[in-house]
Amino acid sequence: MLKDEVAKALKVLQDGGIILYPTDTIWGIGCDATNAEAVKKIYELKQRDEAKSMIILLDTDSKLQSYISEVPDVAYQLIEYAENPLTLVMPGAKNLAPNLISADGTVGIRVTSHEFCKQLLQRFRKPIVSTSANISGQPSPKNFNGVAAEIIEGVDYVVDVDQHDMTEKKPSTIMSIDPSGKFEFIRR
């Protein structure tokens, strides 16, 4: 049941662990986005350079102001009208693990529409890291079957939701947006 999986994943996040979980895009590796030690574990598992930042998930755009100093009005419109999952990279990141914020002070944020993620975020009351479930440099898995054994074995908990969904998912669209509201596509 969804509720049980949310409770199990919540406990792992609260204990500083990392989870493998389904999102509104591809399978992700996640942790408490305010816990630098947990974030470090993900970098190590992915064998990823810490200079390459990871994104965070929120359950509602009303929480953007908690993690971005100046949220341009257009950000809310982009989120509301996006037809596909959209990650916004914005400057002025705050209240997050320092090793999650890019050297230029930006962070990527996606407001998720995935039911498991929304429930987990509502109960956790903090943002969760979401990075593709792969070793850095390898292809992102299009569904659970594509997740490498070393990732599955390297996390503290594998969420038992959507594992049998063989739909081929793709990563989110990524846009950068500055405080003036000027935006550009990074990945379509």
N, C-alpha and C. Protein backbone atom coordinates (compact mmCIF):
# COMPACT_ATOMS: atom_id res chain seq x y z
N MET A 1 0.83 -1.21 0.00
CA MET A 1 0.00 0.00 0.00
C MET A 1 0.87 1.26 0.00
N LEU A 2 0.39 2.27 -0.68
CA LEU A 2 1.13 3.52 -0.81
C LEU A 2 1.48 4.11 0.55
N LYS A 3 0.50 4.12 1.46
CA LYS A 3 0.70 4.71 2.77
C LYS A 3 1.85 4.02 3.53
N ASP A 4 1.93 2.69 3.42
CA ASP A 4 2.99 1.94 4.10
C ASP A 4 4.35 2.28 3.52
N GLU A 5 4.42 2.39 2.19
CA GLU A 5 5.70 2.71 1.55
C GLU A 5 6.14 4.13 1.91
N VAL A 6 5.19 5.04 2.00
CA VAL A 6 5.51 6.42 2.40
C VAL A 6 6.09 6.39 3.81
N ALA A 7 5.48 5.64 4.71
CA ALA A 7 5.94 5.57 6.11
C ALA A 7 7.35 4.98 6.19
N LYS A 8 7.62 3.93 5.41
CA LYS A 8 8.95 3.29 5.43
C LYS A 8 10.01 4.25 4.88
N ALA A 9 9.71 4.91 3.77
CA ALA A 9 10.66 5.85 3.16
C ALA A 9 10.89 7.04 4.09
N LEU A 10 9.84 7.51 4.74
CA LEU A 10 9.92 8.64 5.67
C LEU A 10 10.92 8.33 6.79
N LYS A 11 10.83 7.14 7.35
CA LYS A 11 11.72 6.73 8.44
C LYS A 11 13.19 6.75 7.97
N VAL A 12 13.44 6.24 6.77
CA VAL A 12 14.81 6.22 6.24
C VAL A 12 15.33 7.65 6.07
N LEU A 13 14.50 8.54 5.52
CA LEU A 13 14.91 9.94 5.33
C LEU A 13 15.20 10.61 6.68
N GLN A 14 14.33 10.37 7.65
CA GLN A 14 14.50 10.98 8.97
C GLN A 14 15.78 10.48 9.66
N ASP A 15 16.20 9.25 9.32
CA ASP A 15 17.41 8.66 9.90
C ASP A 15 18.66 9.01 9.10
N GLY A 16 18.53 9.89 8.09
CA GLY A 16 19.68 10.30 7.30
C GLY A 16 20.08 9.32 6.21
N GLY A 17 19.17 8.42 5.86
CA GLY A 17 19.46 7.43 4.82
C GLY A 17 19.09 7.92 3.43
N ILE A 18 19.37 7.05 2.44
CA ILE A 18 19.01 7.37 1.05
C ILE A 18 18.07 6.32 0.49
N ILE A 19 17.15 6.78 -0.35
CA ILE A 19 16.12 5.90 -0.92
C ILE A 19 16.21 5.88 -2.45
N LEU A 20 15.71 4.80 -3.02
CA LEU A 20 15.52 4.67 -4.46
C LEU A 20 14.01 4.72 -4.65
N TYR A 21 13.52 5.67 -5.44
CA TYR A 21 12.08 5.87 -5.49
C TYR A 21 11.58 6.34 -6.86
N PRO A 22 10.29 6.06 -7.16
CA PRO A 22 9.71 6.52 -8.42
C PRO A 22 9.34 8.00 -8.30
N THR A 23 9.45 8.72 -9.42
CA THR A 23 9.05 10.13 -9.43
C THR A 23 8.14 10.36 -10.63
N ASP A 24 7.77 11.60 -10.87
CA ASP A 24 6.95 11.94 -12.03
C ASP A 24 7.79 11.87 -13.32
N THR A 25 9.09 11.66 -13.18
CA THR A 25 9.94 11.45 -14.36
C THR A 25 10.57 10.06 -14.21
N ILE A 26 11.88 9.99 -14.14
CA ILE A 26 12.57 8.70 -14.03
C ILE A 26 12.77 8.32 -12.56
N TRP A 27 13.21 7.07 -12.31
CA TRP A 27 13.51 6.64 -10.94
C TRP A 27 14.63 7.51 -10.39
N GLY A 28 14.50 7.86 -9.11
CA GLY A 28 15.47 8.75 -8.50
C GLY A 28 16.08 8.19 -7.23
N ILE A 29 17.22 8.77 -6.89
CA ILE A 29 17.84 8.49 -5.59
C ILE A 29 17.58 9.75 -4.78
N GLY A 30 17.14 9.58 -3.54
CA GLY A 30 16.78 10.75 -2.75
C GLY A 30 17.23 10.67 -1.31
N CYS A 31 17.25 11.84 -0.68
CA CYS A 31 17.56 11.96 0.75
C CYS A 31 17.03 13.30 1.22
N ASP A 32 17.23 13.57 2.49
CA ASP A 32 16.87 14.85 3.09
C ASP A 32 17.77 15.92 2.46
N ALA A 33 17.17 16.88 1.78
CA ALA A 33 17.94 17.92 1.08
C ALA A 33 18.57 18.93 2.03
N THR A 34 18.32 18.80 3.33
CA THR A 34 18.94 19.71 4.30
C THR A 34 20.06 19.00 5.08
N ASN A 35 20.30 17.73 4.78
CA ASN A 35 21.28 16.92 5.51
C ASN A 35 22.52 16.68 4.63
N ALA A 36 23.60 17.42 4.92
CA ALA A 36 24.81 17.36 4.10
C ALA A 36 25.43 15.96 4.08
N GLU A 37 25.36 15.25 5.19
CA GLU A 37 25.93 13.88 5.23
C GLU A 37 25.16 12.95 4.30
N ALA A 38 23.83 13.06 4.31
CA ALA A 38 23.01 12.22 3.44
C ALA A 38 23.27 12.57 1.97
N VAL A 39 23.40 13.86 1.67
CA VAL A 39 23.69 14.31 0.30
C VAL A 39 25.03 13.73 -0.16
N LYS A 40 26.01 13.73 0.76
CA LYS A 40 27.35 13.19 0.44
C LYS A 40 27.26 11.70 0.07
N LYS A 41 26.40 10.96 0.76
CA LYS A 41 26.23 9.53 0.46
C LYS A 41 25.76 9.33 -0.99
N ILE A 42 24.87 10.21 -1.46
CA ILE A 42 24.38 10.09 -2.84
C ILE A 42 25.51 10.38 -3.83
N TYR A 43 26.28 11.43 -3.58
CA TYR A 43 27.41 11.74 -4.46
C TYR A 43 28.35 10.53 -4.54
N GLU A 44 28.62 9.91 -3.40
CA GLU A 44 29.52 8.75 -3.36
C GLU A 44 28.93 7.57 -4.12
N LEU A 45 27.64 7.28 -3.91
CA LEU A 45 26.99 6.16 -4.60
C LEU A 45 27.00 6.36 -6.11
N LYS A 46 26.72 7.59 -6.54
CA LYS A 46 26.66 7.88 -7.98
C LYS A 46 28.06 8.08 -8.58
N GLN A 47 29.09 8.15 -7.71
CA GLN A 47 30.46 8.46 -8.15
C GLN A 47 30.43 9.77 -8.94
N ARG A 48 29.73 10.73 -8.38
CA ARG A 48 29.49 12.01 -9.05
C ARG A 48 30.32 13.11 -8.41
N ASP A 49 30.85 13.98 -9.23
CA ASP A 49 31.61 15.13 -8.78
C ASP A 49 30.67 16.06 -8.02
N GLU A 50 31.07 16.48 -6.81
CA GLU A 50 30.20 17.35 -6.01
C GLU A 50 29.96 18.71 -6.65
N ALA A 51 30.76 19.05 -7.67
CA ALA A 51 30.53 20.32 -8.37
C ALA A 51 29.28 20.23 -9.25
N LYS A 52 28.85 19.01 -9.57
CA LYS A 52 27.62 18.82 -10.37
C LYS A 52 26.45 18.73 -9.39
N SER A 53 25.66 19.78 -9.34
CA SER A 53 24.59 19.80 -8.34
C SER A 53 23.46 18.84 -8.69
N MET A 54 22.62 18.59 -7.71
CA MET A 54 21.45 17.72 -7.88
C MET A 54 20.22 18.56 -7.59
N ILE A 55 19.07 18.11 -8.07
CA ILE A 55 17.86 18.90 -7.86
C ILE A 55 17.10 18.45 -6.59
N ILE A 56 16.16 19.28 -6.19
CA ILE A 56 15.30 18.94 -5.06
C ILE A 56 13.84 18.92 -5.53
N LEU A 57 13.05 18.15 -4.81
CA LEU A 57 11.61 18.08 -5.07
C LEU A 57 10.85 18.77 -3.95
N LEU A 58 9.78 19.46 -4.33
CA LEU A 58 8.83 20.04 -3.38
C LEU A 58 7.45 19.51 -3.75
N ASP A 59 6.53 19.53 -2.79
CA ASP A 59 5.17 19.07 -3.06
C ASP A 59 4.26 20.21 -3.51
N THR A 60 4.68 21.46 -3.29
CA THR A 60 3.84 22.59 -3.68
C THR A 60 4.72 23.81 -3.95
N ASP A 61 4.31 24.64 -4.90
CA ASP A 61 5.12 25.83 -5.22
C ASP A 61 5.08 26.87 -4.09
N SER A 62 4.16 26.72 -3.14
CA SER A 62 4.10 27.69 -2.03
C SER A 62 5.33 27.57 -1.13
N LYS A 63 6.11 26.49 -1.28
CA LYS A 63 7.31 26.31 -0.45
C LYS A 63 8.57 26.85 -1.13
N LEU A 64 8.46 27.33 -2.37
CA LEU A 64 9.64 27.85 -3.08
C LEU A 64 10.38 28.92 -2.28
N GLN A 65 9.63 29.82 -1.66
CA GLN A 65 10.24 30.94 -0.92
C GLN A 65 11.07 30.49 0.27
N SER A 66 10.84 29.26 0.75
CA SER A 66 11.64 28.74 1.87
C SER A 66 13.05 28.38 1.43
N TYR A 67 13.24 28.17 0.11
CA TYR A 67 14.53 27.67 -0.37
C TYR A 67 15.19 28.55 -1.43
N ILE A 68 14.49 29.58 -1.88
CA ILE A 68 15.02 30.53 -2.87
C ILE A 68 14.78 31.95 -2.34
N SER A 69 15.84 32.78 -2.33
CA SER A 69 15.72 34.13 -1.77
C SER A 69 14.68 34.99 -2.46
N GLU A 70 14.75 35.08 -3.79
CA GLU A 70 13.79 35.88 -4.55
C GLU A 70 13.19 35.03 -5.65
N VAL A 71 11.95 34.60 -5.48
CA VAL A 71 11.29 33.79 -6.50
C VAL A 71 10.58 34.73 -7.47
N PRO A 72 11.00 34.75 -8.74
CA PRO A 72 10.32 35.62 -9.70
C PRO A 72 8.88 35.13 -9.94
N ASP A 73 7.96 36.06 -10.13
CA ASP A 73 6.55 35.69 -10.35
C ASP A 73 6.38 34.71 -11.49
N VAL A 74 7.19 34.85 -12.53
CA VAL A 74 7.04 33.99 -13.70
C VAL A 74 7.30 32.52 -13.36
N ALA A 75 8.05 32.26 -12.30
CA ALA A 75 8.32 30.87 -11.90
C ALA A 75 7.02 30.13 -11.59
N TYR A 76 6.11 30.82 -10.89
CA TYR A 76 4.83 30.20 -10.54
C TYR A 76 4.00 29.90 -11.79
N GLN A 77 4.05 30.81 -12.75
CA GLN A 77 3.31 30.61 -14.00
C GLN A 77 3.90 29.45 -14.80
N LEU A 78 5.22 29.39 -14.86
CA LEU A 78 5.87 28.29 -15.59
C LEU A 78 5.49 26.95 -14.98
N ILE A 79 5.50 26.87 -13.66
CA ILE A 79 5.14 25.62 -12.96
C ILE A 79 3.68 25.27 -13.23
N GLU A 80 2.82 26.27 -13.12
CA GLU A 80 1.38 26.03 -13.28
C GLU A 80 1.03 25.55 -14.69
N TYR A 81 1.67 26.14 -15.70
CA TYR A 81 1.28 25.83 -17.08
C TYR A 81 2.16 24.80 -17.78
N ALA A 82 3.20 24.31 -17.11
CA ALA A 82 4.07 23.31 -17.74
C ALA A 82 3.27 22.04 -18.04
N GLU A 83 3.41 21.56 -19.28
CA GLU A 83 2.69 20.34 -19.66
C GLU A 83 3.46 19.09 -19.25
N ASN A 84 4.77 19.23 -19.10
CA ASN A 84 5.62 18.12 -18.68
C ASN A 84 6.35 18.52 -17.41
N PRO A 85 6.88 17.53 -16.67
CA PRO A 85 7.63 17.88 -15.46
C PRO A 85 8.73 18.90 -15.76
N LEU A 86 8.79 19.94 -14.94
CA LEU A 86 9.69 21.07 -15.17
C LEU A 86 10.56 21.32 -13.95
N THR A 87 11.87 21.39 -14.19
CA THR A 87 12.82 21.74 -13.14
C THR A 87 13.29 23.16 -13.41
N LEU A 88 13.18 24.02 -12.40
CA LEU A 88 13.63 25.41 -12.53
C LEU A 88 14.92 25.58 -11.73
N VAL A 89 15.96 26.08 -12.40
CA VAL A 89 17.24 26.36 -11.74
C VAL A 89 17.24 27.84 -11.41
N MET A 90 17.29 28.15 -10.11
CA MET A 90 17.19 29.54 -9.67
C MET A 90 18.32 29.90 -8.71
N PRO A 91 18.78 31.16 -8.75
CA PRO A 91 19.81 31.60 -7.82
C PRO A 91 19.20 31.90 -6.45
N GLY A 92 20.09 32.12 -5.48
CA GLY A 92 19.62 32.51 -4.15
C GLY A 92 19.16 31.33 -3.32
N ALA A 93 19.75 30.13 -3.55
CA ALA A 93 19.36 28.95 -2.78
C ALA A 93 19.68 29.17 -1.30
N LYS A 94 18.78 28.70 -0.44
CA LYS A 94 18.97 28.85 1.01
C LYS A 94 18.30 27.69 1.75
N ASN A 95 18.69 27.51 3.00
CA ASN A 95 18.10 26.48 3.88
C ASN A 95 18.24 25.06 3.35
N LEU A 96 19.31 24.81 2.58
CA LEU A 96 19.58 23.48 2.03
C LEU A 96 20.98 23.06 2.44
N ALA A 97 21.28 21.78 2.30
CA ALA A 97 22.64 21.30 2.57
C ALA A 97 23.60 22.06 1.66
N PRO A 98 24.70 22.61 2.20
CA PRO A 98 25.63 23.40 1.38
C PRO A 98 26.17 22.64 0.17
N ASN A 99 26.35 21.31 0.28
CA ASN A 99 26.90 20.55 -0.84
C ASN A 99 25.85 20.24 -1.91
N LEU A 100 24.67 20.81 -1.75
CA LEU A 100 23.61 20.66 -2.75
C LEU A 100 23.49 21.91 -3.61
N ILE A 101 24.04 23.00 -3.10
CA ILE A 101 23.93 24.29 -3.80
C ILE A 101 25.13 24.47 -4.72
N SER A 102 24.88 24.84 -5.98
CA SER A 102 25.96 25.04 -6.95
C SER A 102 26.86 26.18 -6.51
N ALA A 103 28.07 26.19 -7.06
CA ALA A 103 29.05 27.23 -6.73
C ALA A 103 28.50 28.63 -7.02
N ASP A 104 27.60 28.74 -8.00
CA ASP A 104 27.02 30.05 -8.34
C ASP A 104 25.78 30.37 -7.49
N GLY A 105 25.49 29.54 -6.50
CA GLY A 105 24.37 29.82 -5.59
C GLY A 105 23.01 29.35 -6.09
N THR A 106 23.00 28.61 -7.20
CA THR A 106 21.72 28.14 -7.75
C THR A 106 21.37 26.75 -7.24
N VAL A 107 20.10 26.41 -7.37
CA VAL A 107 19.63 25.06 -7.13
C VAL A 107 18.47 24.79 -8.08
N GLY A 108 18.35 23.56 -8.50
CA GLY A 108 17.23 23.15 -9.36
C GLY A 108 16.11 22.61 -8.49
N ILE A 109 14.90 23.07 -8.76
CA ILE A 109 13.73 22.65 -7.98
C ILE A 109 12.61 22.20 -8.91
N ARG A 110 12.01 21.06 -8.58
CA ARG A 110 10.82 20.61 -9.32
C ARG A 110 9.69 20.38 -8.34
N VAL A 111 8.52 20.90 -8.68
CA VAL A 111 7.32 20.62 -7.89
C VAL A 111 6.71 19.36 -8.51
N THR A 112 6.69 18.30 -7.74
CA THR A 112 6.29 17.00 -8.27
C THR A 112 4.77 16.83 -8.30
N SER A 113 4.32 16.02 -9.25
CA SER A 113 2.90 15.70 -9.31
C SER A 113 2.69 14.21 -9.01
N HIS A 114 3.77 13.49 -8.70
CA HIS A 114 3.70 12.06 -8.44
C HIS A 114 3.10 11.82 -7.05
N GLU A 115 2.10 10.98 -6.96
CA GLU A 115 1.36 10.79 -5.71
C GLU A 115 2.25 10.31 -4.57
N PHE A 116 3.12 9.33 -4.81
CA PHE A 116 4.02 8.86 -3.75
C PHE A 116 4.90 10.00 -3.26
N CYS A 117 5.51 10.73 -4.19
CA CYS A 117 6.41 11.83 -3.83
C CYS A 117 5.67 12.92 -3.05
N LYS A 118 4.47 13.26 -3.51
CA LYS A 118 3.69 14.31 -2.82
C LYS A 118 3.40 13.91 -1.37
N GLN A 119 2.95 12.67 -1.19
CA GLN A 119 2.62 12.22 0.17
C GLN A 119 3.87 12.18 1.05
N LEU A 120 4.99 11.71 0.48
CA LEU A 120 6.23 11.64 1.25
C LEU A 120 6.69 13.05 1.64
N LEU A 121 6.66 13.97 0.70
CA LEU A 121 7.07 15.35 0.97
C LEU A 121 6.16 16.03 1.99
N GLN A 122 4.86 15.78 1.90
CA GLN A 122 3.92 16.37 2.86
C GLN A 122 4.22 15.88 4.27
N ARG A 123 4.52 14.59 4.40
CA ARG A 123 4.80 14.04 5.73
C ARG A 123 6.18 14.44 6.23
N PHE A 124 7.17 14.52 5.33
CA PHE A 124 8.55 14.83 5.71
C PHE A 124 8.72 16.32 6.05
N ARG A 125 7.97 17.17 5.37
CA ARG A 125 7.98 18.63 5.58
C ARG A 125 9.32 19.29 5.27
N LYS A 126 10.12 18.65 4.45
CA LYS A 126 11.39 19.22 3.96
C LYS A 126 11.56 18.77 2.52
N PRO A 127 12.38 19.46 1.75
CA PRO A 127 12.61 19.01 0.37
C PRO A 127 13.43 17.72 0.35
N ILE A 128 13.29 16.98 -0.74
CA ILE A 128 14.03 15.73 -0.92
C ILE A 128 14.88 15.87 -2.18
N VAL A 129 16.10 15.37 -2.11
CA VAL A 129 16.96 15.34 -3.29
C VAL A 129 16.34 14.38 -4.30
N SER A 130 16.46 14.72 -5.57
CA SER A 130 16.04 13.81 -6.64
C SER A 130 17.11 13.85 -7.72
N THR A 131 17.83 12.75 -7.86
CA THR A 131 18.84 12.65 -8.90
C THR A 131 18.66 11.30 -9.58
N SER A 132 18.94 11.23 -10.85
CA SER A 132 18.71 9.99 -11.60
C SER A 132 19.41 8.80 -10.95
N ALA A 133 18.73 7.66 -11.00
CA ALA A 133 19.21 6.43 -10.33
C ALA A 133 20.23 5.71 -11.21
N ASN A 134 21.40 6.35 -11.37
CA ASN A 134 22.46 5.75 -12.17
C ASN A 134 23.82 6.20 -11.66
N ILE A 135 24.85 5.49 -12.08
CA ILE A 135 26.22 5.92 -11.79
C ILE A 135 26.48 7.07 -12.76
N SER A 136 27.15 8.11 -12.28
CA SER A 136 27.42 9.30 -13.09
C SER A 136 28.06 8.90 -14.42
N GLY A 137 27.52 9.44 -15.52
CA GLY A 137 28.07 9.15 -16.84
C GLY A 137 27.36 8.00 -17.55
N GLN A 138 26.60 7.19 -16.80
CA GLN A 138 25.85 6.10 -17.43
C GLN A 138 24.45 6.60 -17.77
N PRO A 139 23.75 5.92 -18.70
CA PRO A 139 22.40 6.39 -19.07
C PRO A 139 21.42 6.34 -17.89
N SER A 140 20.48 7.28 -17.88
CA SER A 140 19.43 7.28 -16.86
C SER A 140 18.48 6.12 -17.14
N PRO A 141 18.02 5.43 -16.10
CA PRO A 141 17.09 4.31 -16.32
C PRO A 141 15.71 4.83 -16.76
N LYS A 142 15.14 4.19 -17.77
CA LYS A 142 13.82 4.62 -18.28
C LYS A 142 12.68 4.04 -17.44
N ASN A 143 12.97 2.98 -16.66
CA ASN A 143 12.02 2.41 -15.71
C ASN A 143 12.82 1.62 -14.67
N PHE A 144 12.13 1.00 -13.72
CA PHE A 144 12.83 0.33 -12.61
C PHE A 144 13.78 -0.76 -13.10
N ASN A 145 13.39 -1.48 -14.15
CA ASN A 145 14.25 -2.56 -14.67
C ASN A 145 15.61 -2.05 -15.14
N GLY A 146 15.71 -0.77 -15.45
CA GLY A 146 16.95 -0.20 -15.94
C GLY A 146 17.90 0.27 -14.84
N VAL A 147 17.47 0.14 -13.58
CA VAL A 147 18.32 0.59 -12.47
C VAL A 147 19.39 -0.47 -12.20
N ALA A 148 20.66 -0.05 -12.19
CA ALA A 148 21.78 -0.97 -11.98
C ALA A 148 21.75 -1.58 -10.58
N ALA A 149 22.21 -2.83 -10.49
CA ALA A 149 22.25 -3.55 -9.20
C ALA A 149 23.06 -2.77 -8.16
N GLU A 150 24.15 -2.13 -8.57
CA GLU A 150 24.98 -1.42 -7.58
C GLU A 150 24.24 -0.24 -6.96
N ILE A 151 23.29 0.35 -7.70
CA ILE A 151 22.47 1.43 -7.13
C ILE A 151 21.46 0.82 -6.14
N ILE A 152 20.79 -0.24 -6.57
CA ILE A 152 19.80 -0.90 -5.70
C ILE A 152 20.44 -1.35 -4.39
N GLU A 153 21.65 -1.92 -4.50
CA GLU A 153 22.35 -2.41 -3.30
C GLU A 153 22.93 -1.27 -2.47
N GLY A 154 23.14 -0.10 -3.09
CA GLY A 154 23.80 1.00 -2.41
C GLY A 154 22.89 1.93 -1.62
N VAL A 155 21.57 1.80 -1.83
CA VAL A 155 20.64 2.67 -1.09
C VAL A 155 20.18 1.97 0.18
N ASP A 156 19.60 2.74 1.09
CA ASP A 156 19.11 2.18 2.35
C ASP A 156 17.71 1.58 2.22
N TYR A 157 16.95 2.04 1.21
CA TYR A 157 15.61 1.49 1.02
C TYR A 157 15.16 1.67 -0.43
N VAL A 158 14.57 0.61 -0.98
CA VAL A 158 14.00 0.65 -2.33
C VAL A 158 12.49 0.69 -2.18
N VAL A 159 11.89 1.77 -2.63
CA VAL A 159 10.44 1.95 -2.49
C VAL A 159 9.70 0.97 -3.41
N ASP A 160 8.74 0.27 -2.84
CA ASP A 160 7.98 -0.73 -3.59
C ASP A 160 6.70 -0.11 -4.17
N VAL A 161 6.89 0.84 -5.06
CA VAL A 161 5.78 1.50 -5.75
C VAL A 161 6.22 1.65 -7.21
N ASP A 162 5.36 1.32 -8.15
CA ASP A 162 5.62 1.49 -9.59
C ASP A 162 6.78 0.67 -10.14
N GLN A 163 7.25 -0.33 -9.40
CA GLN A 163 8.38 -1.12 -9.90
C GLN A 163 8.01 -1.92 -11.14
N HIS A 164 6.73 -2.24 -11.29
CA HIS A 164 6.31 -3.06 -12.44
C HIS A 164 5.83 -2.21 -13.61
N ASP A 165 5.88 -0.89 -13.45
CA ASP A 165 5.48 0.02 -14.52
C ASP A 165 6.61 0.08 -15.55
N MET A 166 6.36 -0.47 -16.74
CA MET A 166 7.40 -0.53 -17.76
C MET A 166 7.35 0.66 -18.74
N THR A 167 6.52 1.66 -18.42
CA THR A 167 6.47 2.85 -19.25
C THR A 167 7.86 3.46 -19.28
N GLU A 168 8.32 3.85 -20.47
CA GLU A 168 9.64 4.47 -20.56
C GLU A 168 9.52 5.94 -20.22
N LYS A 169 10.11 6.32 -19.10
CA LYS A 169 10.03 7.70 -18.62
C LYS A 169 11.26 8.47 -19.08
N LYS A 170 11.13 9.80 -19.09
CA LYS A 170 12.29 10.61 -19.43
C LYS A 170 12.48 11.71 -18.41
N PRO A 171 13.71 12.25 -18.33
CA PRO A 171 13.98 13.31 -17.35
C PRO A 171 13.13 14.56 -17.61
N SER A 172 13.10 15.44 -16.63
CA SER A 172 12.32 16.67 -16.74
C SER A 172 12.95 17.66 -17.70
N THR A 173 12.14 18.61 -18.12
CA THR A 173 12.64 19.78 -18.84
C THR A 173 13.33 20.64 -17.79
N ILE A 174 14.46 21.25 -18.15
CA ILE A 174 15.17 22.11 -17.20
C ILE A 174 15.30 23.51 -17.78
N MET A 175 14.92 24.50 -16.98
CA MET A 175 15.04 25.90 -17.37
C MET A 175 15.78 26.65 -16.28
N SER A 176 16.62 27.61 -16.68
CA SER A 176 17.22 28.49 -15.67
C SER A 176 16.40 29.78 -15.68
N ILE A 177 16.29 30.36 -14.51
CA ILE A 177 15.48 31.58 -14.39
C ILE A 177 16.17 32.51 -13.39
N ASP A 178 16.30 33.78 -13.74
CA ASP A 178 16.96 34.70 -12.82
C ASP A 178 15.91 35.55 -12.09
N PRO A 179 16.32 36.28 -11.05
CA PRO A 179 15.35 37.04 -10.26
C PRO A 179 14.51 38.03 -11.08
N SER A 180 15.03 38.49 -12.22
CA SER A 180 14.25 39.43 -13.04
C SER A 180 13.15 38.71 -13.82
N GLY A 181 13.22 37.36 -13.83
CA GLY A 181 12.20 36.60 -14.55
C GLY A 181 12.67 36.12 -15.92
N LYS A 182 13.88 36.49 -16.31
CA LYS A 182 14.42 36.04 -17.59
C LYS A 182 14.72 34.54 -17.48
N PHE A 183 14.27 33.77 -18.48
CA PHE A 183 14.51 32.33 -18.40
C PHE A 183 14.99 31.77 -19.73
N GLU A 184 15.68 30.61 -19.64
CA GLU A 184 16.14 29.92 -20.84
C GLU A 184 16.16 28.43 -20.59
N PHE A 185 16.02 27.65 -21.68
CA PHE A 185 16.03 26.20 -21.58
C PHE A 185 17.45 25.69 -21.43
N ILE A 186 17.64 24.74 -20.52
CA ILE A 186 18.91 24.04 -20.37
C ILE A 186 18.77 22.67 -21.01
N ARG A 187 17.63 22.02 -20.76
CA ARG A 187 17.33 20.71 -21.38
C ARG A 187 15.84 20.68 -21.68
N ARG A 188 15.51 20.37 -22.92
CA ARG A 188 14.09 20.30 -23.30
C ARG A 188 13.60 18.87 -23.24
